[in-house]
């Protein structure tokens, strides 16, 4: 079952920062004639892929999804919040925090941030 992604304002702002940094790095790389993608472009690709996989199958093996206890579910007092890996084996690897809801077939992206 594919899920429709909803965004918290916080997560949307974080994703916009990642997107803007990648677009800026891409423009700079094009002007200089370099062919190797920047870290910002790589991060954008990894986060975008993780979001796509999350919408298709939240239990996809590469996401290593598991429950995260430090964030409260905004829709249900006993609802669970999960974290999924956007990066692995990287210092400060990015994680996506999400929960199911508010409606059936939806999931809300709560935050996209580096692992502390």
C-alpha atoms as a PDB file:
ATOM      1  CA  UNK A   1       0.000   0.000   0.000  1.00  0.00           C
ATOM      2  CA  UNK A   2       1.386   3.365  -1.008  1.00  0.00           C
ATOM      3  CA  UNK A   3       1.027   6.199   1.478  1.00  0.00           C
ATOM      4  CA  UNK A   4       0.309   9.850   0.845  1.00  0.00           C
ATOM      5  CA  UNK A   5       2.972  11.990   2.536  1.00  0.00           C
ATOM      6  CA  UNK A   6       1.938  14.984   4.625  1.00  0.00           C
ATOM      7  CA  UNK A   7       4.461  17.431   6.007  1.00  0.00           C
ATOM      8  CA  UNK A   8       4.737  19.257   9.296  1.00  0.00           C
ATOM      9  CA  UNK A   9       5.803  22.867   8.842  1.00  0.00           C
ATOM     10  CA  UNK A  10       9.109  22.042  10.543  1.00  0.00           C
ATOM     11  CA  UNK A  11       9.868  19.120   8.200  1.00  0.00           C
ATOM     12  CA  UNK A  12       8.845  21.128   5.158  1.00  0.00           C
ATOM     13  CA  UNK A  13      11.254  23.913   6.136  1.00  0.00           C
ATOM     14  CA  UNK A  14      14.073  21.411   6.695  1.00  0.00           C
ATOM     15  CA  UNK A  15      13.445  19.778   3.315  1.00  0.00           C
ATOM     16  CA  UNK A  16      13.424  23.199   1.646  1.00  0.00           C
ATOM     17  CA  UNK A  17      16.834  24.008   3.168  1.00  0.00           C
ATOM     18  CA  UNK A  18      18.244  20.712   1.842  1.00  0.00           C
ATOM     19  CA  UNK A  19      16.702  21.338  -1.597  1.00  0.00           C
ATOM     20  CA  UNK A  20      17.961  24.930  -1.821  1.00  0.00           C
ATOM     21  CA  UNK A  21      21.486  23.914  -0.820  1.00  0.00           C
ATOM     22  CA  UNK A  22      21.504  21.161  -3.466  1.00  0.00           C
ATOM     23  CA  UNK A  23      20.231  23.496  -6.186  1.00  0.00           C
ATOM     24  CA  UNK A  24      22.822  26.114  -5.278  1.00  0.00           C
ATOM     25  CA  UNK A  25      25.612  23.530  -5.279  1.00  0.00           C
ATOM     26  CA  UNK A  26      24.413  22.173  -8.630  1.00  0.00           C
ATOM     27  CA  UNK A  27      24.418  25.669 -10.191  1.00  0.00           C
ATOM     28  CA  UNK A  28      27.927  26.342  -8.862  1.00  0.00           C
ATOM     29  CA  UNK A  29      29.140  22.986 -10.150  1.00  0.00           C
ATOM     30  CA  UNK A  30      27.677  23.653 -13.609  1.00  0.00           C
ATOM     31  CA  UNK A  31      29.395  27.045 -13.804  1.00  0.00           C
ATOM     32  CA  UNK A  32      32.765  25.618 -12.808  1.00  0.00           C
ATOM     33  CA  UNK A  33      32.477  22.632 -15.159  1.00  0.00           C
ATOM     34  CA  UNK A  34      32.978  20.039 -12.429  1.00  0.00           C
ATOM     35  CA  UNK A  35      31.338  16.660 -12.902  1.00  0.00           C
ATOM     36  CA  UNK A  36      31.400  15.235  -9.373  1.00  0.00           C
ATOM     37  CA  UNK A  37      28.271  15.936  -7.339  1.00  0.00           C
ATOM     38  CA  UNK A  38      28.624  17.867  -4.087  1.00  0.00           C
ATOM     39  CA  UNK A  39      27.737  16.641  -0.611  1.00  0.00           C
ATOM     40  CA  UNK A  40      24.591  18.787  -0.701  1.00  0.00           C
ATOM     41  CA  UNK A  41      23.466  17.159  -3.946  1.00  0.00           C
ATOM     42  CA  UNK A  42      24.184  13.715  -2.528  1.00  0.00           C
ATOM     43  CA  UNK A  43      22.224  14.451   0.642  1.00  0.00           C
ATOM     44  CA  UNK A  44      19.262  15.686  -1.404  1.00  0.00           C
ATOM     45  CA  UNK A  45      19.295  12.492  -3.469  1.00  0.00           C
ATOM     46  CA  UNK A  46      19.505  10.277  -0.392  1.00  0.00           C
ATOM     47  CA  UNK A  47      16.698  12.067   1.446  1.00  0.00           C
ATOM     48  CA  UNK A  48      14.481  12.062  -1.656  1.00  0.00           C
ATOM     49  CA  UNK A  49      15.067   8.348  -2.194  1.00  0.00           C
ATOM     50  CA  UNK A  50      14.309   7.578   1.453  1.00  0.00           C
ATOM     51  CA  UNK A  51      11.053   9.549   1.247  1.00  0.00           C
ATOM     52  CA  UNK A  52      10.057   7.687  -1.917  1.00  0.00           C
ATOM     53  CA  UNK A  53      10.790   4.322  -0.296  1.00  0.00           C
ATOM     54  CA  UNK A  54       8.962   5.387   2.852  1.00  0.00           C
ATOM     55  CA  UNK A  55       5.825   6.261   0.893  1.00  0.00           C
ATOM     56  CA  UNK A  56       5.960   2.948  -0.987  1.00  0.00           C
ATOM     57  CA  UNK A  57       6.826   0.677   1.924  1.00  0.00           C
ATOM     58  CA  UNK A  58       7.663   2.025   5.408  1.00  0.00           C
ATOM     59  CA  UNK A  59       9.220  -1.334   6.275  1.00  0.00           C
ATOM     60  CA  UNK A  60      11.674  -1.313   3.387  1.00  0.00           C
ATOM     61  CA  UNK A  61      14.853  -2.984   4.549  1.00  0.00           C
ATOM     62  CA  UNK A  62      17.223  -0.155   3.657  1.00  0.00           C
ATOM     63  CA  UNK A  63      15.269   2.375   5.752  1.00  0.00           C
ATOM     64  CA  UNK A  64      15.897   0.439   8.975  1.00  0.00           C
ATOM     65  CA  UNK A  65      12.655   1.881  10.344  1.00  0.00           C
ATOM     66  CA  UNK A  66      12.147   1.627  14.080  1.00  0.00           C
ATOM     67  CA  UNK A  67      10.134   3.283  16.811  1.00  0.00           C
ATOM     68  CA  UNK A  68      11.480   6.537  18.234  1.00  0.00           C
ATOM     69  CA  UNK A  69      10.414   7.373  21.774  1.00  0.00           C
ATOM     70  CA  UNK A  70      11.662  10.964  22.203  1.00  0.00           C
ATOM     71  CA  UNK A  71       9.045  12.633  19.986  1.00  0.00           C
ATOM     72  CA  UNK A  72       5.332  12.633  20.800  1.00  0.00           C
ATOM     73  CA  UNK A  73       2.792  11.680  18.165  1.00  0.00           C
ATOM     74  CA  UNK A  74       0.816  14.824  17.246  1.00  0.00           C
ATOM     75  CA  UNK A  75      -2.385  12.897  16.437  1.00  0.00           C
ATOM     76  CA  UNK A  76      -2.724  10.213  19.105  1.00  0.00           C
ATOM     77  CA  UNK A  77      -1.507  10.314  22.689  1.00  0.00           C
ATOM     78  CA  UNK A  78      -0.515   6.637  22.518  1.00  0.00           C
ATOM     79  CA  UNK A  79       0.493   6.746  18.837  1.00  0.00           C
ATOM     80  CA  UNK A  80       3.984   5.802  17.795  1.00  0.00           C
ATOM     81  CA  UNK A  81       6.600   7.924  16.065  1.00  0.00           C
ATOM     82  CA  UNK A  82       9.178   6.212  13.878  1.00  0.00           C
ATOM     83  CA  UNK A  83      12.566   7.044  12.459  1.00  0.00           C
ATOM     84  CA  UNK A  84      13.913   5.958   9.096  1.00  0.00           C
ATOM     85  CA  UNK A  85      17.489   6.204   7.857  1.00  0.00           C
ATOM     86  CA  UNK A  86      18.203   8.522   4.930  1.00  0.00           C
ATOM     87  CA  UNK A  87      21.958   7.951   5.330  1.00  0.00           C
ATOM     88  CA  UNK A  88      24.019   5.234   6.940  1.00  0.00           C
ATOM     89  CA  UNK A  89      27.576   4.939   8.200  1.00  0.00           C
ATOM     90  CA  UNK A  90      28.065   8.706   7.943  1.00  0.00           C
ATOM     91  CA  UNK A  91      28.908  11.069  10.797  1.00  0.00           C
ATOM     92  CA  UNK A  92      25.741  13.035  11.527  1.00  0.00           C
ATOM     93  CA  UNK A  93      23.715  10.791   9.206  1.00  0.00           C
ATOM     94  CA  UNK A  94      20.289  12.164   8.357  1.00  0.00           C
ATOM     95  CA  UNK A  95      17.117  10.601   9.755  1.00  0.00           C
ATOM     96  CA  UNK A  96      13.466  11.069   8.858  1.00  0.00           C
ATOM     97  CA  UNK A  97      10.997  11.141  11.756  1.00  0.00           C
ATOM     98  CA  UNK A  98       7.415  10.275  10.893  1.00  0.00           C
ATOM     99  CA  UNK A  99       4.107   8.881  12.107  1.00  0.00           C
ATOM    100  CA  UNK A 100       0.987   7.396  10.576  1.00  0.00           C
ATOM    101  CA  UNK A 101      -1.996   9.684  10.079  1.00  0.00           C
ATOM    102  CA  UNK A 102      -3.962  11.775  10.498  1.00  0.00           C
ATOM    103  CA  UNK A 103      -6.115   9.819   8.022  1.00  0.00           C
ATOM    104  CA  UNK A 104      -5.879   6.229   6.863  1.00  0.00           C
ATOM    105  CA  UNK A 105      -3.344   5.867   4.052  1.00  0.00           C
ATOM    106  CA  UNK A 106      -1.392   8.948   5.147  1.00  0.00           C
ATOM    107  CA  UNK A 107       1.857   9.438   6.982  1.00  0.00           C
ATOM    108  CA  UNK A 108       3.191  12.700   8.337  1.00  0.00           C
ATOM    109  CA  UNK A 109       6.846  13.647   8.040  1.00  0.00           C
ATOM    110  CA  UNK A 110       7.631  15.319  11.365  1.00  0.00           C
ATOM    111  CA  UNK A 111      11.330  16.161  10.916  1.00  0.00           C
ATOM    112  CA  UNK A 112      14.367  15.557   8.729  1.00  0.00           C
ATOM    113  CA  UNK A 113      17.534  16.056  10.701  1.00  0.00           C
ATOM    114  CA  UNK A 114      21.047  14.780  11.291  1.00  0.00           C
ATOM    115  CA  UNK A 115      21.458  12.099  13.911  1.00  0.00           C
ATOM    116  CA  UNK A 116      22.799  13.657  17.115  1.00  0.00           C
END
